[in-house]
Amino acid sequence: MKLGRTLTELAQEIERQAEVKRDFVASTKDIKVVIPSTVDNVVKLELGGKSGELFDIGETAHSQIAEQADIPLAYYRRMLAKEPELLAENVNTWFASKPENRMLRTLDGKARALRSDKFRPLDNYELLEAALPALQAASLDIVSCDVDERRLYVKAVDRAIQRHIPNGFRMGDGSHQFFKVPSGEVIPAIQISNSEIGYGSLSVVGGSLDQGCTNLMWSFKERGLRKNHVGARLDVGEELYKVLSSEARSATDKAIWLQFRDAVKAAISEEGFDALVQSLVEAATERLEGDPVKVVELTAKRFALSDGTRTSVLRHLIEGGDLSKFGLANAVTSAANDAEFYELATDLETVGGKIIELPKSEWKELAKAA
């Protein structure tokens, strides 16, 4: 389990961002890519004409600008690196050819997102205001949390509920233990995540924490909540652009946050956790029959894991000595602890859950890799 920030650090950063971030709605004819200085040729986003404001452009915003201008991302990045003036000309031409209103989200002087004018900002500040009391009311402990440019994550567990997962198969013929692997004790876990810039939806999912190795794993069979950021269309009227006030935004929609609180309770329910545990117990008996190296290679290909992550998964599989579906999933979630970035760690925790949820036919293909 990657720890990320402390809860205090997270709350301080979310509060800081809430104070300085600004949202605008503007027509694409009033949003331009410009190069203010020929010295460094750094492209910026200009809002409202030459007397308007300039913003640096974040990585996600670059991708969304390319999408809005209908420019293939690979070509966009090539122009950005080698021909920034050509990039500006292309974007501005296509932006002006078919004007459309867009929401521009900025933070610390940087354009971080260019979204549809129907984008609904379900913001992290309001999310924490709803999440923390809900987690406290359910007597859950926050064990890991973080926020980066793209997403907010809060992960919590219920220490009052504990279940036993028997050991799976071992190295060798399955009847001899060359490695001593302790039986697993797991407790319910919940992951709350959100993106203010359209990189995925607001979601609440349940999972488990292995107390022995502190590995987190997420299950998507039962989705606690998934809300897309879509609302009513916003209008700028006769203005060049409109600054969106907190009153003008729909992020405080009480119905959504009420649903969110209910989803927190559902995702951590004992009944739902028992169903997940049953899947883990069954996975502990589903033997990995092929060549472990080939199995890990096929797993890496199937879930688009990097070479470094594949090596980490294989090492954890060998060290764990559990050649079962459960053991492979645990090897992946153990590799999450080695991940450089929090988002990658969370993705690997999710892959662990996806391995557990593989249908028998797909697991057989993977397990018999040779």
Protein backbone atom coordinates (compact mmCIF):
# COMPACT_ATOMS: atom_id res chain seq x y z
CA MET A 1 0.00 0.00 0.00
CA LYS A 2 1.44 3.35 -1.09
CA LEU A 3 0.71 5.93 1.60
CA GLY A 4 0.76 9.19 -0.38
CA ARG A 5 -0.01 12.20 1.85
CA THR A 6 -1.22 12.36 5.41
CA LEU A 7 -4.87 13.32 5.82
CA THR A 8 -3.80 16.70 7.22
CA GLU A 9 -1.54 17.34 4.23
CA LEU A 10 -4.32 16.33 1.84
CA ALA A 11 -6.88 18.62 3.52
CA GLN A 12 -4.43 21.54 3.47
CA GLU A 13 -3.68 21.08 -0.23
CA ILE A 14 -7.35 20.73 -1.19
CA GLU A 15 -8.21 23.87 0.79
CA ARG A 16 -5.34 25.76 -0.85
CA GLN A 17 -6.47 24.71 -4.32
CA ALA A 18 -10.06 25.71 -3.58
CA GLU A 19 -8.91 29.23 -2.80
CA VAL A 20 -6.79 29.81 -5.91
CA LYS A 21 -8.38 27.80 -8.72
CA ARG A 22 -10.62 29.60 -11.22
CA ASP A 23 -13.08 28.40 -13.84
CA PHE A 24 -14.14 30.19 -17.01
CA VAL A 25 -16.61 29.56 -19.80
CA ALA A 26 -15.63 30.99 -23.18
CA SER A 27 -16.07 30.47 -26.90
CA THR A 28 -13.18 28.76 -28.64
CA LYS A 29 -12.87 31.85 -30.86
CA ASP A 30 -11.70 33.68 -27.72
CA ILE A 31 -9.31 30.92 -26.62
CA LYS A 32 -5.98 30.95 -28.42
CA VAL A 33 -2.65 29.15 -28.25
CA VAL A 34 0.12 31.75 -28.31
CA ILE A 35 3.92 31.99 -27.97
CA PRO A 36 4.60 35.12 -25.88
CA SER A 37 8.38 34.82 -26.08
CA THR A 38 10.50 33.77 -29.02
CA VAL A 39 13.35 33.13 -26.59
CA ASP A 40 11.96 29.93 -25.09
CA ASN A 41 9.08 29.24 -27.56
CA VAL A 42 6.84 28.03 -24.72
CA VAL A 43 3.19 27.84 -25.79
CA LYS A 44 0.54 29.32 -23.53
CA LEU A 45 -3.22 29.66 -23.59
CA GLU A 46 -4.63 33.14 -24.06
CA LEU A 47 -8.15 33.85 -22.88
CA GLY A 48 -10.20 36.84 -24.06
CA GLY A 49 -7.88 38.38 -26.61
CA LYS A 50 -4.61 40.26 -26.27
CA SER A 51 -5.82 42.16 -23.20
CA GLY A 52 -6.88 38.90 -21.59
CA GLU A 53 -5.03 36.43 -19.43
CA LEU A 54 -2.21 34.03 -20.22
CA PHE A 55 -1.96 30.55 -18.72
CA ASP A 56 0.66 27.85 -18.83
CA ILE A 57 -0.78 24.60 -20.24
CA GLY A 58 -0.83 21.36 -18.26
CA GLU A 59 -0.35 17.91 -19.75
CA THR A 60 -4.03 16.98 -19.53
CA ALA A 61 -5.10 20.31 -21.01
CA HIS A 62 -2.77 19.74 -23.98
CA SER A 63 -4.52 16.42 -24.68
CA GLN A 64 -7.94 18.05 -24.43
CA ILE A 65 -6.94 20.93 -26.69
CA ALA A 66 -5.79 18.39 -29.28
CA GLU A 67 -9.11 16.57 -28.99
CA GLN A 68 -11.13 19.79 -29.28
CA ALA A 69 -9.15 20.84 -32.38
CA ASP A 70 -9.46 17.32 -33.82
CA ILE A 71 -5.68 17.00 -34.12
CA PRO A 72 -4.19 13.52 -33.62
CA LEU A 73 -2.39 13.57 -30.27
CA ALA A 74 0.89 12.15 -31.62
CA TYR A 75 1.02 14.89 -34.29
CA TYR A 76 0.04 17.52 -31.71
CA ARG A 77 2.94 16.46 -29.45
CA ARG A 78 5.34 16.48 -32.40
CA MET A 79 4.38 20.06 -33.28
CA LEU A 80 4.61 21.06 -29.60
CA ALA A 81 8.17 19.76 -29.42
CA LYS A 82 9.48 20.84 -32.82
CA GLU A 83 7.16 23.43 -34.41
CA PRO A 84 5.23 25.34 -31.72
CA GLU A 85 4.26 28.12 -34.14
CA LEU A 86 2.69 25.56 -36.46
CA LEU A 87 0.85 24.09 -33.47
CA ALA A 88 -0.56 27.50 -32.53
CA GLU A 89 -1.66 28.16 -36.12
CA ASN A 90 -3.39 24.78 -36.38
CA VAL A 91 -5.20 25.00 -33.06
CA ASN A 92 -6.32 28.60 -33.52
CA THR A 93 -7.57 27.93 -37.04
CA TRP A 94 -9.70 24.99 -35.97
CA PHE A 95 -10.90 26.70 -32.79
CA ALA A 96 -12.12 29.70 -34.79
CA SER A 97 -13.60 27.72 -37.69
CA LYS A 98 -16.37 26.27 -35.56
CA PRO A 99 -16.79 28.28 -32.35
CA GLU A 100 -18.09 26.35 -29.38
CA ASN A 101 -18.35 27.23 -25.71
CA ARG A 102 -15.89 25.44 -23.47
CA MET A 103 -15.10 25.38 -19.75
CA LEU A 104 -11.53 26.28 -18.91
CA ARG A 105 -10.32 25.13 -15.49
CA THR A 106 -7.20 26.81 -14.13
CA LEU A 107 -5.01 26.38 -11.05
CA ASP A 108 -1.85 28.23 -10.01
CA GLY A 109 -1.70 30.11 -13.31
CA LYS A 110 -1.99 26.92 -15.38
CA ALA A 111 -4.72 25.74 -17.73
CA ARG A 112 -5.36 22.27 -16.38
CA ALA A 113 -8.49 21.33 -18.36
CA LEU A 114 -10.53 22.41 -21.36
CA ARG A 115 -13.88 20.67 -21.07
CA SER A 116 -17.36 20.78 -22.56
CA ASP A 117 -19.60 23.64 -21.47
CA LYS A 118 -21.76 20.89 -19.97
CA PHE A 119 -18.96 19.69 -17.71
CA ARG A 120 -20.17 19.47 -14.12
CA PRO A 121 -17.48 20.35 -11.58
CA LEU A 122 -17.80 17.86 -8.73
CA ASP A 123 -14.90 19.37 -6.86
CA ASN A 124 -12.54 17.84 -4.34
CA TYR A 125 -13.30 20.36 -1.59
CA GLU A 126 -17.00 19.47 -1.61
CA LEU A 127 -16.08 15.80 -1.91
CA LEU A 128 -13.99 15.87 1.26
CA GLU A 129 -16.74 17.78 3.05
CA ALA A 130 -19.08 14.89 2.23
CA ALA A 131 -16.58 12.04 2.56
CA LEU A 132 -14.93 12.68 5.91
CA PRO A 133 -18.16 12.72 7.98
CA ALA A 134 -19.43 9.66 6.07
CA LEU A 135 -16.22 7.73 6.78
CA GLN A 136 -16.25 8.82 10.42
CA ALA A 137 -19.90 7.80 10.83
CA ALA A 138 -19.03 4.34 9.48
CA SER A 139 -16.05 4.08 11.90
CA LEU A 140 -13.59 3.72 9.03
CA ASP A 141 -9.88 4.47 9.25
CA ILE A 142 -8.24 6.38 6.39
CA VAL A 143 -5.07 4.45 5.57
CA SER A 144 -3.92 6.19 2.37
CA CYS A 145 -4.78 9.32 0.41
CA ASP A 146 -3.31 11.63 -2.21
CA VAL A 147 -4.13 14.21 -4.86
CA ASP A 148 -2.25 14.90 -8.07
CA GLU A 149 -2.92 16.89 -11.22
CA ARG A 150 -5.53 14.40 -12.40
CA ARG A 151 -7.22 12.67 -9.45
CA LEU A 152 -7.99 12.66 -5.75
CA TYR A 153 -7.85 9.36 -3.85
CA VAL A 154 -9.04 8.49 -0.36
CA LYS A 155 -8.70 4.88 0.84
CA ALA A 156 -10.16 3.66 4.12
CA VAL A 157 -10.72 0.35 5.93
CA ASP A 158 -13.09 -1.18 8.50
CA ARG A 159 -10.95 -2.86 11.15
CA ALA A 160 -13.99 -4.26 12.95
CA ILE A 161 -14.56 -6.91 10.24
CA GLN A 162 -11.97 -9.57 9.46
CA ARG A 163 -12.03 -12.67 7.29
CA HIS A 164 -9.61 -15.53 6.68
CA ILE A 165 -8.25 -16.49 3.25
CA PRO A 166 -6.65 -19.98 3.15
CA ASN A 167 -3.31 -20.43 1.43
CA GLY A 168 -3.26 -21.29 -2.25
CA PHE A 169 -0.95 -23.69 -4.07
CA ARG A 170 2.80 -23.57 -3.53
CA MET A 171 5.84 -23.88 -5.70
CA GLY A 172 6.41 -27.41 -6.94
CA ASP A 173 3.67 -30.02 -7.25
CA GLY A 174 1.24 -28.22 -4.96
CA SER A 175 1.67 -30.62 -2.06
CA HIS A 176 5.08 -29.40 -0.88
CA GLN A 177 5.79 -25.98 0.61
CA PHE A 178 9.18 -24.69 -0.45
CA PHE A 179 8.14 -21.28 0.85
CA LYS A 180 6.24 -20.71 4.04
CA VAL A 181 3.39 -18.32 3.23
CA PRO A 182 1.11 -17.27 6.10
CA SER A 183 -2.64 -17.48 5.72
CA GLY A 184 -4.21 -14.18 4.79
CA GLU A 185 -6.41 -12.09 7.06
CA VAL A 186 -8.34 -9.48 5.09
CA ILE A 187 -10.54 -6.56 6.10
CA PRO A 188 -12.97 -4.44 4.04
CA ALA A 189 -11.59 -1.42 2.21
CA ILE A 190 -13.15 1.44 0.28
CA GLN A 191 -11.69 3.72 -2.39
CA ILE A 192 -13.13 7.15 -3.12
CA SER A 193 -11.75 8.93 -6.17
CA ASN A 194 -12.56 11.96 -8.24
CA SER A 195 -11.17 14.06 -11.06
CA GLU A 196 -11.81 17.79 -11.33
CA ILE A 197 -10.57 17.83 -14.93
CA GLY A 198 -12.55 15.02 -16.51
CA TYR A 199 -10.00 12.25 -16.06
CA GLY A 200 -12.63 9.72 -15.00
CA SER A 201 -15.76 10.00 -12.92
CA LEU A 202 -16.50 10.44 -9.24
CA SER A 203 -16.48 6.87 -7.92
CA VAL A 204 -16.80 4.80 -4.77
CA VAL A 205 -15.68 1.15 -4.88
CA GLY A 206 -15.15 -1.57 -2.33
CA GLY A 207 -12.19 -3.87 -1.90
CA SER A 208 -9.96 -5.53 0.64
CA LEU A 209 -6.77 -4.96 2.60
CA ASP A 210 -4.51 -7.90 3.36
CA GLN A 211 -3.30 -7.15 6.90
CA GLY A 212 -0.25 -9.37 6.55
CA CYS A 213 1.32 -7.62 3.56
CA THR A 214 -0.80 -4.43 3.61
CA ASN A 215 -1.82 -4.95 -0.02
CA LEU A 216 -4.96 -3.19 -1.22
CA MET A 217 -7.19 -4.70 -3.93
CA TRP A 218 -10.27 -3.20 -5.56
CA SER A 219 -13.35 -4.99 -6.88
CA PHE A 220 -15.53 -3.52 -9.60
CA LYS A 221 -18.23 -6.22 -9.69
CA GLU A 222 -20.48 -4.08 -7.51
CA ARG A 223 -20.01 -0.39 -8.14
CA GLY A 224 -20.87 1.69 -5.11
CA LEU A 225 -21.18 4.88 -7.14
CA ARG A 226 -20.05 6.26 -10.47
CA LYS A 227 -21.09 9.78 -11.42
CA ASN A 228 -19.99 11.39 -14.67
CA HIS A 229 -19.28 15.11 -14.72
CA VAL A 230 -22.17 16.16 -16.94
CA GLY A 231 -24.62 18.95 -16.17
CA ALA A 232 -26.62 21.72 -17.84
CA ARG A 233 -25.07 23.66 -20.71
CA LEU A 234 -23.42 26.93 -19.67
CA ASP A 235 -23.74 30.18 -21.63
CA VAL A 236 -21.42 33.21 -21.82
CA GLY A 237 -23.95 35.54 -23.45
CA GLU A 238 -22.33 38.63 -24.99
CA GLU A 239 -19.18 38.44 -22.85
CA LEU A 240 -15.78 37.29 -24.10
CA TYR A 241 -15.69 34.87 -21.21
CA LYS A 242 -17.39 34.32 -17.91
CA VAL A 243 -15.75 33.59 -14.57
CA LEU A 244 -17.77 30.91 -12.83
CA SER A 245 -18.58 31.69 -9.22
CA SER A 246 -19.34 29.00 -6.66
CA GLU A 247 -23.01 30.04 -6.85
CA ALA A 248 -23.06 29.49 -10.63
CA ARG A 249 -21.64 25.98 -10.43
CA SER A 250 -23.63 22.83 -9.87
CA ALA A 251 -20.95 21.04 -7.80
CA THR A 252 -22.95 21.57 -4.62
CA ASP A 253 -25.83 19.46 -5.87
CA LYS A 254 -27.14 18.05 -2.61
CA ALA A 255 -28.71 14.99 -4.25
CA ILE A 256 -25.34 13.79 -5.53
CA TRP A 257 -23.65 14.11 -2.16
CA LEU A 258 -26.54 12.28 -0.48
CA GLN A 259 -26.11 9.46 -2.99
CA PHE A 260 -22.40 9.58 -2.27
CA ARG A 261 -22.92 9.04 1.47
CA ASP A 262 -25.22 6.09 0.78
CA ALA A 263 -22.64 4.64 -1.62
CA VAL A 264 -19.96 4.79 1.07
CA LYS A 265 -22.14 2.69 3.36
CA ALA A 266 -22.98 0.21 0.58
CA ALA A 267 -19.36 -0.21 -0.57
CA ILE A 268 -18.22 -1.17 2.92
CA SER A 269 -21.20 -3.40 3.81
CA GLU A 270 -20.43 -6.73 5.46
CA GLU A 271 -22.63 -8.58 2.97
CA GLY A 272 -20.76 -7.15 -0.01
CA PHE A 273 -17.42 -7.86 1.63
CA ASP A 274 -18.36 -11.49 2.27
CA ALA A 275 -19.15 -11.89 -1.44
CA LEU A 276 -15.70 -10.50 -2.29
CA VAL A 277 -14.05 -12.78 0.26
CA GLN A 278 -15.75 -15.78 -1.33
CA SER A 279 -14.19 -14.80 -4.65
CA LEU A 280 -10.77 -14.56 -2.96
CA VAL A 281 -11.21 -17.99 -1.32
CA GLU A 282 -12.10 -19.54 -4.69
CA ALA A 283 -9.15 -17.78 -6.32
CA ALA A 284 -6.82 -19.34 -3.73
CA THR A 285 -7.76 -22.79 -5.07
CA GLU A 286 -7.39 -21.97 -8.80
CA ARG A 287 -3.91 -23.20 -9.61
CA LEU A 288 -1.42 -21.53 -11.90
CA GLU A 289 -0.48 -24.48 -14.14
CA GLY A 290 1.79 -22.95 -16.76
CA ASP A 291 5.26 -21.45 -16.71
CA PRO A 292 5.19 -18.64 -14.08
CA VAL A 293 7.42 -16.44 -16.22
CA LYS A 294 5.10 -16.84 -19.23
CA VAL A 295 2.03 -16.30 -17.05
CA VAL A 296 3.44 -13.00 -15.80
CA GLU A 297 4.39 -12.00 -19.37
CA LEU A 298 0.86 -12.69 -20.58
CA THR A 299 -0.60 -10.87 -17.57
CA ALA A 300 1.59 -7.86 -18.32
CA LYS A 301 0.48 -7.85 -21.95
CA ARG A 302 -3.19 -8.25 -21.07
CA PHE A 303 -3.20 -5.38 -18.58
CA ALA A 304 -0.64 -3.15 -20.37
CA LEU A 305 1.96 -3.32 -17.59
CA SER A 306 5.41 -1.83 -18.17
CA ASP A 307 8.56 -3.95 -18.30
CA GLY A 308 9.58 -2.66 -14.88
CA THR A 309 6.22 -3.56 -13.37
CA ARG A 310 6.31 -7.01 -14.99
CA THR A 311 9.69 -7.68 -13.38
CA SER A 312 8.34 -6.53 -10.02
CA VAL A 313 5.28 -8.79 -10.33
CA LEU A 314 7.43 -11.83 -11.14
CA ARG A 315 9.71 -11.15 -8.18
CA HIS A 316 6.76 -10.85 -5.80
CA LEU A 317 5.17 -14.01 -7.22
CA ILE A 318 8.37 -15.98 -6.58
CA GLU A 319 8.87 -14.47 -3.13
CA GLY A 320 5.26 -15.16 -2.17
CA GLY A 321 5.45 -18.73 -3.46
CA ASP A 322 1.69 -18.89 -4.00
CA LEU A 323 1.06 -20.22 -7.52
CA SER A 324 -2.66 -19.55 -7.63
CA LYS A 325 -4.99 -16.92 -9.01
CA PHE A 326 -4.97 -15.31 -5.57
CA GLY A 327 -1.17 -15.46 -5.48
CA LEU A 328 -0.86 -13.78 -8.89
CA ALA A 329 -3.28 -11.03 -7.87
CA ASN A 330 -1.29 -10.51 -4.67
CA ALA A 331 1.94 -10.31 -6.66
CA VAL A 332 0.43 -7.49 -8.72
CA THR A 333 -0.84 -5.61 -5.66
CA SER A 334 2.56 -6.10 -4.02
CA ALA A 335 4.14 -4.53 -7.10
CA ALA A 336 1.88 -1.55 -6.43
CA ASN A 337 3.98 -0.85 -3.35
CA ASP A 338 7.03 -0.47 -5.62
CA ALA A 339 5.31 1.97 -8.00
CA GLU A 340 6.90 5.39 -8.31
CA PHE A 341 3.59 7.25 -8.57
CA TYR A 342 0.44 6.99 -6.47
CA GLU A 343 -1.83 6.78 -9.52
CA LEU A 344 0.14 3.85 -10.92
CA ALA A 345 -0.03 2.10 -7.53
CA THR A 346 -3.81 2.51 -7.52
CA ASP A 347 -4.04 1.18 -11.09
CA LEU A 348 -2.12 -1.95 -10.03
CA GLU A 349 -4.39 -2.44 -7.02
CA THR A 350 -7.27 -2.36 -9.50
CA VAL A 351 -5.54 -4.87 -11.81
CA GLY A 352 -5.26 -7.21 -8.82
CA GLY A 353 -9.03 -7.08 -8.45
CA LYS A 354 -9.53 -7.62 -12.19
CA ILE A 355 -7.41 -10.79 -12.03
CA ILE A 356 -9.62 -12.15 -9.24
CA GLU A 357 -12.70 -11.35 -11.33
CA LEU A 358 -11.44 -13.02 -14.54
CA PRO A 359 -13.99 -15.55 -15.86
CA LYS A 360 -12.85 -19.16 -15.63
CA SER A 361 -12.27 -19.48 -19.38
CA GLU A 362 -10.05 -16.39 -19.48
CA TRP A 363 -8.20 -17.47 -16.33
CA LYS A 364 -7.50 -20.91 -17.85
CA GLU A 365 -5.90 -19.28 -20.88
CA LEU A 366 -3.73 -17.16 -18.62
CA ALA A 367 -2.92 -19.88 -16.06
CA LYS A 368 -1.76 -22.39 -18.70
CA ALA A 369 0.63 -20.04 -20.49
CA ALA A 370 3.72 -21.94 -21.62
